[in-house]
Amino acid sequence: MTAVWKTTAALFSDAAPFAIRAERASDVRAREALLDASFGEGRHARTCQRLRDGRAPAEGLAFTAVHAGRVVGTVRLWHVSAGGVPALVLGPLAVDASCRKLGIGAALMQHALAAAKARGHGAVILRGDPDYYARFGFSAAKTGDLALPGPFERERLLALELRDGALDGTCGMIVPTGAAARPPRARLIRTPRLAAHAA
């Protein structure tokens, strides 16, 4: 696992620098557009979305990748209870289609996992492609007795222990436990000040 990076981590290939940093409020619109493009309009109906709806990401565990001045990648982690055991759920992980050969997805994963471990979290769970996520240490070895709140493919429910034994003996439903998301702040609309006129 990589060392924990600072708030902004610059990564360079021969001609394609990108940076990973903590997500900012100004990233939200671009992040949502990226997720729509990556997962389609039905993404809000996905099973794992039920673990995120109305919740805020885990503190310090929402990251953005930026390339050429624009948001090109995102990953966030969320508090859950895995059959009564505190854990995190990772997702969604998305990278702009034009930047998928730059290693941004792998860098986001490594950054997020290192940050979660540094914050003392014991395990990360996700629903995804076993072949892709095996490179980061994820497997279905400890998820056989866990379930998601909706339809899912058993072989795609994966976990990584950040602390040995963190998921030993876990069974039951994975449910959200994170803090409620703050509603978006209403924009203050200023009305022009009218000059006083003498009667």
C-alpha atoms as a PDB file:
ATOM      1  CA  MET A   1       0.000   0.000   0.000  1.00  0.00           C
ATOM      2  CA  THR A   2       1.284   3.485  -0.756  1.00  0.00           C
ATOM      3  CA  ALA A   3       2.167   5.988   1.895  1.00  0.00           C
ATOM      4  CA  VAL A   4      -0.458   8.524   2.806  1.00  0.00           C
ATOM      5  CA  TRP A   5      -0.330  11.482   0.467  1.00  0.00           C
ATOM      6  CA  LYS A   6      -0.855  15.081   1.455  1.00  0.00           C
ATOM      7  CA  THR A   7      -4.052  16.894   0.504  1.00  0.00           C
ATOM      8  CA  THR A   8      -2.849  17.319  -3.074  1.00  0.00           C
ATOM      9  CA  ALA A   9      -0.743  14.647  -4.726  1.00  0.00           C
ATOM     10  CA  ALA A  10       0.723  15.354  -8.144  1.00  0.00           C
ATOM     11  CA  LEU A  11       1.389  12.354 -10.356  1.00  0.00           C
ATOM     12  CA  PHE A  12       3.246  12.468 -13.608  1.00  0.00           C
ATOM     13  CA  SER A  13       3.568  10.257 -16.614  1.00  0.00           C
ATOM     14  CA  ASP A  14       5.586  11.413 -19.625  1.00  0.00           C
ATOM     15  CA  ALA A  15       2.995  13.891 -20.854  1.00  0.00           C
ATOM     16  CA  ALA A  16      -0.007  13.573 -18.610  1.00  0.00           C
ATOM     17  CA  PRO A  17       0.250  15.189 -15.177  1.00  0.00           C
ATOM     18  CA  PHE A  18      -2.752  14.882 -12.902  1.00  0.00           C
ATOM     19  CA  ALA A  19      -3.369  15.649  -9.268  1.00  0.00           C
ATOM     20  CA  ILE A  20      -5.451  13.974  -6.589  1.00  0.00           C
ATOM     21  CA  ARG A  21      -6.838  16.226  -3.900  1.00  0.00           C
ATOM     22  CA  ALA A  22      -9.586  16.402  -1.328  1.00  0.00           C
ATOM     23  CA  GLU A  23     -12.947  16.984  -2.954  1.00  0.00           C
ATOM     24  CA  ARG A  24     -14.119  20.603  -2.914  1.00  0.00           C
ATOM     25  CA  ALA A  25     -17.621  22.032  -3.009  1.00  0.00           C
ATOM     26  CA  SER A  26     -16.752  23.498  -6.411  1.00  0.00           C
ATOM     27  CA  ASP A  27     -16.205  19.944  -7.752  1.00  0.00           C
ATOM     28  CA  VAL A  28     -19.783  18.794  -7.217  1.00  0.00           C
ATOM     29  CA  ARG A  29     -21.289  19.780 -10.573  1.00  0.00           C
ATOM     30  CA  ALA A  30     -18.376  18.287 -12.552  1.00  0.00           C
ATOM     31  CA  ARG A  31     -18.380  15.166 -10.357  1.00  0.00           C
ATOM     32  CA  GLU A  32     -22.071  14.554 -10.950  1.00  0.00           C
ATOM     33  CA  ALA A  33     -21.655  15.045 -14.706  1.00  0.00           C
ATOM     34  CA  LEU A  34     -18.743  12.582 -14.689  1.00  0.00           C
ATOM     35  CA  LEU A  35     -20.794   9.994 -12.780  1.00  0.00           C
ATOM     36  CA  ASP A  36     -23.741  10.425 -15.157  1.00  0.00           C
ATOM     37  CA  ALA A  37     -21.447   9.917 -18.148  1.00  0.00           C
ATOM     38  CA  SER A  38     -19.778   6.881 -16.557  1.00  0.00           C
ATOM     39  CA  PHE A  39     -22.811   5.046 -15.156  1.00  0.00           C
ATOM     40  CA  GLY A  40     -25.827   6.422 -17.012  1.00  0.00           C
ATOM     41  CA  GLU A  41     -29.095   7.864 -15.876  1.00  0.00           C
ATOM     42  CA  GLY A  42     -30.019   4.764 -13.869  1.00  0.00           C
ATOM     43  CA  ARG A  43     -27.080   5.082 -11.505  1.00  0.00           C
ATOM     44  CA  HIS A  44     -29.279   6.369  -8.669  1.00  0.00           C
ATOM     45  CA  ALA A  45     -31.263   3.128  -8.726  1.00  0.00           C
ATOM     46  CA  ARG A  46     -28.205   0.914  -8.151  1.00  0.00           C
ATOM     47  CA  THR A  47     -28.108  -1.188  -5.000  1.00  0.00           C
ATOM     48  CA  CYS A  48     -25.029   0.479  -3.479  1.00  0.00           C
ATOM     49  CA  GLN A  49     -26.606   3.891  -3.970  1.00  0.00           C
ATOM     50  CA  ARG A  50     -28.982   2.938  -1.143  1.00  0.00           C
ATOM     51  CA  LEU A  51     -25.977   3.030   1.188  1.00  0.00           C
ATOM     52  CA  ARG A  52     -25.179   6.599   0.098  1.00  0.00           C
ATOM     53  CA  ASP A  53     -28.563   8.263  -0.295  1.00  0.00           C
ATOM     54  CA  GLY A  54     -28.983  11.091   2.187  1.00  0.00           C
ATOM     55  CA  ARG A  55     -25.547  10.469   3.704  1.00  0.00           C
ATOM     56  CA  ALA A  56     -22.306  12.423   3.713  1.00  0.00           C
ATOM     57  CA  PRO A  57     -19.071  10.687   2.726  1.00  0.00           C
ATOM     58  CA  ALA A  58     -16.769   9.663   5.571  1.00  0.00           C
ATOM     59  CA  GLU A  59     -14.769  12.626   6.821  1.00  0.00           C
ATOM     60  CA  GLY A  60     -11.621  13.220   4.796  1.00  0.00           C
ATOM     61  CA  LEU A  61     -12.389  10.373   2.381  1.00  0.00           C
ATOM     62  CA  ALA A  62     -13.748  12.072  -0.739  1.00  0.00           C
ATOM     63  CA  PHE A  63     -11.194  12.672  -3.489  1.00  0.00           C
ATOM     64  CA  THR A  64     -11.036  14.307  -6.900  1.00  0.00           C
ATOM     65  CA  ALA A  65      -8.534  13.797  -9.717  1.00  0.00           C
ATOM     66  CA  VAL A  66      -7.783  16.880 -11.795  1.00  0.00           C
ATOM     67  CA  HIS A  67      -6.081  16.922 -15.209  1.00  0.00           C
ATOM     68  CA  ALA A  68      -5.520  19.977 -17.408  1.00  0.00           C
ATOM     69  CA  GLY A  69      -7.603  22.073 -15.038  1.00  0.00           C
ATOM     70  CA  ARG A  70     -10.714  19.894 -15.031  1.00  0.00           C
ATOM     71  CA  VAL A  71     -12.224  17.160 -12.876  1.00  0.00           C
ATOM     72  CA  VAL A  72     -11.448  13.784 -14.471  1.00  0.00           C
ATOM     73  CA  GLY A  73     -11.853  11.350 -11.592  1.00  0.00           C
ATOM     74  CA  THR A  74     -13.706  10.819  -8.343  1.00  0.00           C
ATOM     75  CA  VAL A  75     -13.878   8.363  -5.477  1.00  0.00           C
ATOM     76  CA  ARG A  76     -15.587   8.557  -2.094  1.00  0.00           C
ATOM     77  CA  LEU A  77     -15.946   6.280   0.929  1.00  0.00           C
ATOM     78  CA  TRP A  78     -18.976   5.995   3.217  1.00  0.00           C
ATOM     79  CA  HIS A  79     -19.589   4.722   6.751  1.00  0.00           C
ATOM     80  CA  VAL A  80     -21.551   1.474   7.012  1.00  0.00           C
ATOM     81  CA  SER A  81     -22.219  -1.321   9.444  1.00  0.00           C
ATOM     82  CA  ALA A  82     -21.371  -4.738   8.005  1.00  0.00           C
ATOM     83  CA  GLY A  83     -23.532  -7.003  10.125  1.00  0.00           C
ATOM     84  CA  GLY A  84     -22.785  -4.823  13.144  1.00  0.00           C
ATOM     85  CA  VAL A  85     -19.100  -4.244  12.361  1.00  0.00           C
ATOM     86  CA  PRO A  86     -18.021  -0.705  11.407  1.00  0.00           C
ATOM     87  CA  ALA A  87     -16.616  -0.520   7.871  1.00  0.00           C
ATOM     88  CA  LEU A  88     -16.479   1.705   4.818  1.00  0.00           C
ATOM     89  CA  VAL A  89     -18.090   1.263   1.418  1.00  0.00           C
ATOM     90  CA  LEU A  90     -16.082   2.593  -1.520  1.00  0.00           C
ATOM     91  CA  GLY A  91     -17.743   4.074  -4.543  1.00  0.00           C
ATOM     92  CA  PRO A  92     -18.458   5.086  -7.009  1.00  0.00           C
ATOM     93  CA  LEU A  93     -15.009   5.227  -8.599  1.00  0.00           C
ATOM     94  CA  ALA A  94     -15.119   6.953 -11.968  1.00  0.00           C
ATOM     95  CA  VAL A  95     -12.601   8.327 -14.469  1.00  0.00           C
ATOM     96  CA  ASP A  96     -13.352  10.428 -17.530  1.00  0.00           C
ATOM     97  CA  ALA A  97     -13.314   8.245 -20.661  1.00  0.00           C
ATOM     98  CA  SER A  98     -10.642  10.436 -22.286  1.00  0.00           C
ATOM     99  CA  CYS A  99      -8.235   9.835 -19.371  1.00  0.00           C
ATOM    100  CA  ARG A 100      -8.626   6.125 -18.649  1.00  0.00           C
ATOM    101  CA  LYS A 101      -5.131   5.187 -19.859  1.00  0.00           C
ATOM    102  CA  LEU A 102      -3.353   7.543 -17.439  1.00  0.00           C
ATOM    103  CA  GLY A 103      -3.550   5.368 -14.302  1.00  0.00           C
ATOM    104  CA  ILE A 104      -5.955   7.755 -12.581  1.00  0.00           C
ATOM    105  CA  GLY A 105      -8.326   5.031 -11.364  1.00  0.00           C
ATOM    106  CA  ALA A 106      -5.532   3.046  -9.721  1.00  0.00           C
ATOM    107  CA  ALA A 107      -4.058   6.187  -8.193  1.00  0.00           C
ATOM    108  CA  LEU A 108      -7.445   7.210  -6.763  1.00  0.00           C
ATOM    109  CA  MET A 109      -7.895   3.735  -5.256  1.00  0.00           C
ATOM    110  CA  GLN A 110      -4.434   3.682  -3.684  1.00  0.00           C
ATOM    111  CA  HIS A 111      -4.879   7.201  -2.339  1.00  0.00           C
ATOM    112  CA  ALA A 112      -8.312   6.476  -0.868  1.00  0.00           C
ATOM    113  CA  LEU A 113      -7.233   3.206   0.752  1.00  0.00           C
ATOM    114  CA  ALA A 114      -4.093   4.747   2.247  1.00  0.00           C
ATOM    115  CA  ALA A 115      -6.129   7.635   3.646  1.00  0.00           C
ATOM    116  CA  ALA A 116      -8.730   5.263   5.123  1.00  0.00           C
ATOM    117  CA  LYS A 117      -6.023   3.181   6.789  1.00  0.00           C
ATOM    118  CA  ALA A 118      -4.308   6.285   8.155  1.00  0.00           C
ATOM    119  CA  ARG A 119      -7.625   7.354   9.719  1.00  0.00           C
ATOM    120  CA  GLY A 120      -7.862   4.026  11.557  1.00  0.00           C
ATOM    121  CA  HIS A 121     -10.620   2.347   9.546  1.00  0.00           C
ATOM    122  CA  GLY A 122     -10.600  -1.440   9.630  1.00  0.00           C
ATOM    123  CA  ALA A 123     -12.139  -2.531   6.333  1.00  0.00           C
ATOM    124  CA  VAL A 124     -13.423  -1.345   2.971  1.00  0.00           C
ATOM    125  CA  ILE A 125     -16.246  -3.061   1.079  1.00  0.00           C
ATOM    126  CA  LEU A 126     -17.331  -2.505  -2.509  1.00  0.00           C
ATOM    127  CA  ARG A 127     -19.398  -4.021  -5.273  1.00  0.00           C
ATOM    128  CA  GLY A 128     -17.357  -4.405  -8.428  1.00  0.00           C
ATOM    129  CA  ASP A 129     -15.367  -6.446 -10.896  1.00  0.00           C
ATOM    130  CA  PRO A 130     -13.324  -9.037  -8.967  1.00  0.00           C
ATOM    131  CA  ASP A 131     -10.546  -9.092 -11.576  1.00  0.00           C
ATOM    132  CA  TYR A 132     -10.049  -5.324 -11.496  1.00  0.00           C
ATOM    133  CA  TYR A 133     -10.175  -4.910  -7.717  1.00  0.00           C
ATOM    134  CA  ALA A 134      -8.021  -7.959  -6.900  1.00  0.00           C
ATOM    135  CA  ARG A 135      -4.938  -5.871  -7.734  1.00  0.00           C
ATOM    136  CA  PHE A 136      -5.722  -3.722  -4.679  1.00  0.00           C
ATOM    137  CA  GLY A 137      -6.246  -6.719  -2.407  1.00  0.00           C
ATOM    138  CA  PHE A 138     -10.053  -7.005  -2.593  1.00  0.00           C
ATOM    139  CA  SER A 139     -11.703 -10.427  -2.582  1.00  0.00           C
ATOM    140  CA  ALA A 140     -14.955 -12.145  -1.652  1.00  0.00           C
ATOM    141  CA  ALA A 141     -13.240 -14.166   1.099  1.00  0.00           C
ATOM    142  CA  LYS A 142     -14.929 -12.280   3.956  1.00  0.00           C
ATOM    143  CA  THR A 143     -18.219 -11.234   2.334  1.00  0.00           C
ATOM    144  CA  GLY A 144     -19.959 -14.590   1.913  1.00  0.00           C
ATOM    145  CA  ASP A 145     -22.303 -13.994   4.852  1.00  0.00           C
ATOM    146  CA  LEU A 146     -22.937 -10.308   4.141  1.00  0.00           C
ATOM    147  CA  ALA A 147     -25.771  -8.861   2.055  1.00  0.00           C
ATOM    148  CA  LEU A 148     -26.621  -5.561   0.389  1.00  0.00           C
ATOM    149  CA  PRO A 149     -30.033  -3.847   0.604  1.00  0.00           C
ATOM    150  CA  GLY A 150     -31.108  -4.817  -2.884  1.00  0.00           C
ATOM    151  CA  PRO A 151     -30.147  -7.168  -5.702  1.00  0.00           C
ATOM    152  CA  PHE A 152     -26.439  -7.928  -6.134  1.00  0.00           C
ATOM    153  CA  GLU A 153     -24.172 -10.608  -7.548  1.00  0.00           C
ATOM    154  CA  ARG A 154     -22.540 -12.495  -4.672  1.00  0.00           C
ATOM    155  CA  GLU A 155     -19.163 -12.761  -6.466  1.00  0.00           C
ATOM    156  CA  ARG A 156     -19.038  -8.976  -6.936  1.00  0.00           C
ATOM    157  CA  LEU A 157     -19.348  -8.146  -3.224  1.00  0.00           C
ATOM    158  CA  LEU A 158     -15.720  -7.664  -2.260  1.00  0.00           C
ATOM    159  CA  ALA A 159     -13.790  -6.502   0.787  1.00  0.00           C
ATOM    160  CA  LEU A 160     -10.308  -5.501   1.869  1.00  0.00           C
ATOM    161  CA  GLU A 161      -9.240  -5.582   5.506  1.00  0.00           C
ATOM    162  CA  LEU A 162      -7.076  -2.609   6.434  1.00  0.00           C
ATOM    163  CA  ARG A 163      -6.614  -4.181   9.855  1.00  0.00           C
ATOM    164  CA  ASP A 164      -6.156  -7.944  10.098  1.00  0.00           C
ATOM    165  CA  GLY A 165      -9.304  -9.698  11.264  1.00  0.00           C
ATOM    166  CA  ALA A 166     -11.515  -6.617  10.972  1.00  0.00           C
ATOM    167  CA  LEU A 167     -14.235  -8.592   9.170  1.00  0.00           C
ATOM    168  CA  ASP A 168     -13.804 -11.948  10.908  1.00  0.00           C
ATOM    169  CA  GLY A 169     -17.175 -13.589  11.502  1.00  0.00           C
ATOM    170  CA  THR A 170     -19.228 -10.785   9.981  1.00  0.00           C
ATOM    171  CA  CYS A 171     -22.703 -11.700   8.788  1.00  0.00           C
ATOM    172  CA  GLY A 172     -25.907  -9.878   8.020  1.00  0.00           C
ATOM    173  CA  MET A 173     -26.993  -6.790   6.150  1.00  0.00           C
ATOM    174  CA  ILE A 174     -24.682  -3.934   5.198  1.00  0.00           C
ATOM    175  CA  VAL A 175     -26.472  -0.744   6.259  1.00  0.00           C
ATOM    176  CA  PRO A 176     -25.531   2.949   6.144  1.00  0.00           C
ATOM    177  CA  THR A 177     -24.359   4.593   9.367  1.00  0.00           C
ATOM    178  CA  GLY A 178     -22.784   7.837   8.159  1.00  0.00           C
ATOM    179  CA  ALA A 179     -23.831  11.339   9.048  1.00  0.00           C
ATOM    180  CA  ALA A 180     -26.755  12.860   7.185  1.00  0.00           C
ATOM    181  CA  ALA A 181     -25.749  14.934   4.195  1.00  0.00           C
ATOM    182  CA  ARG A 182     -26.176  18.645   4.547  1.00  0.00           C
ATOM    183  CA  PRO A 183     -28.727  20.068   2.163  1.00  0.00           C
ATOM    184  CA  PRO A 184     -27.198  22.289  -0.514  1.00  0.00           C
ATOM    185  CA  ARG A 185     -26.891  25.847   0.682  1.00  0.00           C
ATOM    186  CA  ALA A 186     -29.393  28.166  -0.898  1.00  0.00           C
ATOM    187  CA  ARG A 187     -27.749  30.882  -2.903  1.00  0.00           C
ATOM    188  CA  LEU A 188     -28.294  34.284  -1.469  1.00  0.00           C
ATOM    189  CA  ILE A 189     -30.041  36.455  -4.035  1.00  0.00           C
ATOM    190  CA  ARG A 190     -29.148  40.073  -3.627  1.00  0.00           C
ATOM    191  CA  THR A 191     -31.625  42.648  -4.737  1.00  0.00           C
ATOM    192  CA  PRO A 192     -30.166  45.855  -6.089  1.00  0.00           C
ATOM    193  CA  ARG A 193     -30.294  48.698  -3.652  1.00  0.00           C
ATOM    194  CA  LEU A 194     -32.557  51.443  -4.901  1.00  0.00           C
ATOM    195  CA  ALA A 195     -31.485  55.001  -4.422  1.00  0.00           C
ATOM    196  CA  ALA A 196     -33.745  57.021  -2.165  1.00  0.00           C
ATOM    197  CA  HIS A 197     -35.769  59.625  -3.995  1.00  0.00           C
ATOM    198  CA  ALA A 198     -37.179  62.772  -2.519  1.00  0.00           C
ATOM    199  CA  ALA A 199     -40.950  62.988  -2.628  1.00  0.00           C
END
